[in-house]
């Protein structure tokens, strides 16, 4: 899993959904979109992506990851950079594994 910020074509629809950064003068820049992708290292394929504006509430890479965590399955190995190493993200992934079934590493609830 990894995230990136990409430039979009300068269309009215993109300007509305993905505004350009405030550091650019109006009409002189390109809209930017933030993307988080879940990749399969086994086959080299993009499994899914989550998109959002480059700034604003609930648009960071960690927020976008929450749209993708349900795609993880028992036995999957999640490789992510240190941006995703917080307790919340580890708990989110472990909770998902717990709900979907544990693999012997997690104890069942008591």
C-alpha atoms as a PDB file:
ATOM      1  CA  UNK A   1       0.000   0.000   0.000  1.00  0.00           C
ATOM      2  CA  UNK A   2       1.249   3.453  -0.804  1.00  0.00           C
ATOM      3  CA  UNK A   3      -0.028   6.951  -1.389  1.00  0.00           C
ATOM      4  CA  UNK A   4       0.782   9.762  -3.782  1.00  0.00           C
ATOM      5  CA  UNK A   5      -0.455  13.136  -4.975  1.00  0.00           C
ATOM      6  CA  UNK A   6      -1.145  13.522  -8.685  1.00  0.00           C
ATOM      7  CA  UNK A   7      -1.958  16.420 -11.006  1.00  0.00           C
ATOM      8  CA  UNK A   8      -5.257  16.267 -12.862  1.00  0.00           C
ATOM      9  CA  UNK A   9      -6.318  17.799 -16.185  1.00  0.00           C
ATOM     10  CA  UNK A  10      -7.480  21.387 -15.725  1.00  0.00           C
ATOM     11  CA  UNK A  11     -11.216  20.978 -16.318  1.00  0.00           C
ATOM     12  CA  UNK A  12     -14.088  22.695 -14.483  1.00  0.00           C
ATOM     13  CA  UNK A  13     -15.257  19.342 -13.077  1.00  0.00           C
ATOM     14  CA  UNK A  14     -11.790  18.528 -11.713  1.00  0.00           C
ATOM     15  CA  UNK A  15     -11.389  22.028 -10.271  1.00  0.00           C
ATOM     16  CA  UNK A  16     -14.656  21.529  -8.377  1.00  0.00           C
ATOM     17  CA  UNK A  17     -13.870  18.039  -7.043  1.00  0.00           C
ATOM     18  CA  UNK A  18     -10.094  18.372  -6.633  1.00  0.00           C
ATOM     19  CA  UNK A  19      -9.161  22.043  -6.128  1.00  0.00           C
ATOM     20  CA  UNK A  20      -5.652  23.209  -6.905  1.00  0.00           C
ATOM     21  CA  UNK A  21      -3.337  24.071  -4.010  1.00  0.00           C
ATOM     22  CA  UNK A  22      -3.647  27.497  -2.404  1.00  0.00           C
ATOM     23  CA  UNK A  23      -0.016  28.189  -3.289  1.00  0.00           C
ATOM     24  CA  UNK A  24      -1.035  28.399  -6.968  1.00  0.00           C
ATOM     25  CA  UNK A  25      -2.724  31.458  -8.364  1.00  0.00           C
ATOM     26  CA  UNK A  26      -6.293  30.838  -9.554  1.00  0.00           C
ATOM     27  CA  UNK A  27      -6.320  29.751 -13.165  1.00  0.00           C
ATOM     28  CA  UNK A  28      -2.567  29.031 -13.255  1.00  0.00           C
ATOM     29  CA  UNK A  29      -2.352  25.558 -11.824  1.00  0.00           C
ATOM     30  CA  UNK A  30      -3.701  22.088 -12.071  1.00  0.00           C
ATOM     31  CA  UNK A  31      -6.103  20.356  -9.693  1.00  0.00           C
ATOM     32  CA  UNK A  32      -4.460  17.788  -7.431  1.00  0.00           C
ATOM     33  CA  UNK A  33      -5.813  14.479  -6.211  1.00  0.00           C
ATOM     34  CA  UNK A  34      -4.498  12.335  -3.361  1.00  0.00           C
ATOM     35  CA  UNK A  35      -4.425   8.609  -4.058  1.00  0.00           C
ATOM     36  CA  UNK A  36      -3.839   5.553  -1.879  1.00  0.00           C
ATOM     37  CA  UNK A  37      -3.396   2.278  -3.735  1.00  0.00           C
ATOM     38  CA  UNK A  38      -3.549  -1.289  -2.449  1.00  0.00           C
ATOM     39  CA  UNK A  39      -1.102  -3.315  -4.523  1.00  0.00           C
ATOM     40  CA  UNK A  40      -0.506  -7.038  -4.898  1.00  0.00           C
ATOM     41  CA  UNK A  41       3.202  -7.756  -4.727  1.00  0.00           C
ATOM     42  CA  UNK A  42       2.523 -11.369  -5.756  1.00  0.00           C
ATOM     43  CA  UNK A  43       1.209 -10.443  -9.215  1.00  0.00           C
ATOM     44  CA  UNK A  44       2.193  -6.770  -9.520  1.00  0.00           C
ATOM     45  CA  UNK A  45      -1.369  -5.524  -9.854  1.00  0.00           C
ATOM     46  CA  UNK A  46      -3.241  -2.590  -8.364  1.00  0.00           C
ATOM     47  CA  UNK A  47      -6.127  -4.139  -6.416  1.00  0.00           C
ATOM     48  CA  UNK A  48      -7.972  -0.897  -5.698  1.00  0.00           C
ATOM     49  CA  UNK A  49      -7.438   2.823  -5.157  1.00  0.00           C
ATOM     50  CA  UNK A  50      -9.062   5.452  -2.973  1.00  0.00           C
ATOM     51  CA  UNK A  51      -9.095   9.051  -4.223  1.00  0.00           C
ATOM     52  CA  UNK A  52      -9.667  12.354  -2.480  1.00  0.00           C
ATOM     53  CA  UNK A  53      -8.766  16.036  -2.642  1.00  0.00           C
ATOM     54  CA  UNK A  54      -5.160  16.833  -1.765  1.00  0.00           C
ATOM     55  CA  UNK A  55      -6.184  18.820   1.307  1.00  0.00           C
ATOM     56  CA  UNK A  56      -9.088  19.121   3.681  1.00  0.00           C
ATOM     57  CA  UNK A  57     -10.704  17.078   6.389  1.00  0.00           C
ATOM     58  CA  UNK A  58     -10.648  13.286   5.900  1.00  0.00           C
ATOM     59  CA  UNK A  59      -8.522  13.491   2.740  1.00  0.00           C
ATOM     60  CA  UNK A  60      -5.106  12.328   3.993  1.00  0.00           C
ATOM     61  CA  UNK A  61      -3.543   9.005   3.116  1.00  0.00           C
ATOM     62  CA  UNK A  62      -4.545   7.495   6.445  1.00  0.00           C
ATOM     63  CA  UNK A  63      -8.185   8.477   5.935  1.00  0.00           C
ATOM     64  CA  UNK A  64      -8.175   7.088   2.402  1.00  0.00           C
ATOM     65  CA  UNK A  65      -6.686   3.814   3.678  1.00  0.00           C
ATOM     66  CA  UNK A  66      -9.837   3.304   5.744  1.00  0.00           C
ATOM     67  CA  UNK A  67     -11.723   2.927   2.446  1.00  0.00           C
ATOM     68  CA  UNK A  68      -9.461   0.013   1.448  1.00  0.00           C
ATOM     69  CA  UNK A  69      -8.814  -2.014   4.596  1.00  0.00           C
ATOM     70  CA  UNK A  70     -11.850  -4.228   4.012  1.00  0.00           C
ATOM     71  CA  UNK A  71     -10.041  -5.692   0.971  1.00  0.00           C
ATOM     72  CA  UNK A  72      -7.473  -7.411   3.197  1.00  0.00           C
ATOM     73  CA  UNK A  73      -8.024 -11.109   3.857  1.00  0.00           C
ATOM     74  CA  UNK A  74      -6.780 -13.661   6.370  1.00  0.00           C
ATOM     75  CA  UNK A  75      -3.153 -14.447   5.658  1.00  0.00           C
ATOM     76  CA  UNK A  76      -2.473 -11.248   3.708  1.00  0.00           C
ATOM     77  CA  UNK A  77       0.730  -9.400   4.485  1.00  0.00           C
ATOM     78  CA  UNK A  78       0.337  -5.629   4.530  1.00  0.00           C
ATOM     79  CA  UNK A  79       3.486  -3.716   3.612  1.00  0.00           C
ATOM     80  CA  UNK A  80       3.251   0.016   4.262  1.00  0.00           C
ATOM     81  CA  UNK A  81       5.638   2.855   5.021  1.00  0.00           C
ATOM     82  CA  UNK A  82       6.041   4.360   8.480  1.00  0.00           C
ATOM     83  CA  UNK A  83       3.254   6.855   7.832  1.00  0.00           C
ATOM     84  CA  UNK A  84       0.787   4.028   8.539  1.00  0.00           C
ATOM     85  CA  UNK A  85       2.395   2.603  11.683  1.00  0.00           C
ATOM     86  CA  UNK A  86       0.151   4.274  14.251  1.00  0.00           C
ATOM     87  CA  UNK A  87      -1.879   2.326  16.785  1.00  0.00           C
ATOM     88  CA  UNK A  88      -5.143   3.192  15.033  1.00  0.00           C
ATOM     89  CA  UNK A  89      -4.098   1.583  11.756  1.00  0.00           C
ATOM     90  CA  UNK A  90      -2.675  -1.513  13.415  1.00  0.00           C
ATOM     91  CA  UNK A  91      -5.863  -1.889  15.456  1.00  0.00           C
ATOM     92  CA  UNK A  92      -7.991  -1.391  12.344  1.00  0.00           C
ATOM     93  CA  UNK A  93      -6.192  -4.168  10.475  1.00  0.00           C
ATOM     94  CA  UNK A  94      -6.182  -6.489  13.504  1.00  0.00           C
ATOM     95  CA  UNK A  95      -9.859  -5.826  14.188  1.00  0.00           C
ATOM     96  CA  UNK A  96     -10.644  -6.684  10.580  1.00  0.00           C
ATOM     97  CA  UNK A  97      -8.663  -9.929  10.891  1.00  0.00           C
ATOM     98  CA  UNK A  98     -10.471 -10.665  14.135  1.00  0.00           C
ATOM     99  CA  UNK A  99     -13.872 -10.169  12.560  1.00  0.00           C
ATOM    100  CA  UNK A 100     -13.031 -12.205   9.452  1.00  0.00           C
ATOM    101  CA  UNK A 101     -11.437 -15.002  11.471  1.00  0.00           C
ATOM    102  CA  UNK A 102      -8.129 -15.281  13.296  1.00  0.00           C
ATOM    103  CA  UNK A 103      -5.229 -17.405  12.157  1.00  0.00           C
ATOM    104  CA  UNK A 104      -4.057 -18.687  15.540  1.00  0.00           C
ATOM    105  CA  UNK A 105      -1.991 -15.601  16.343  1.00  0.00           C
ATOM    106  CA  UNK A 106      -4.952 -13.749  17.791  1.00  0.00           C
ATOM    107  CA  UNK A 107      -6.759 -15.177  20.762  1.00  0.00           C
ATOM    108  CA  UNK A 108     -10.542 -15.451  20.470  1.00  0.00           C
ATOM    109  CA  UNK A 109     -12.564 -12.965  22.516  1.00  0.00           C
ATOM    110  CA  UNK A 110     -13.378 -14.027  26.069  1.00  0.00           C
END
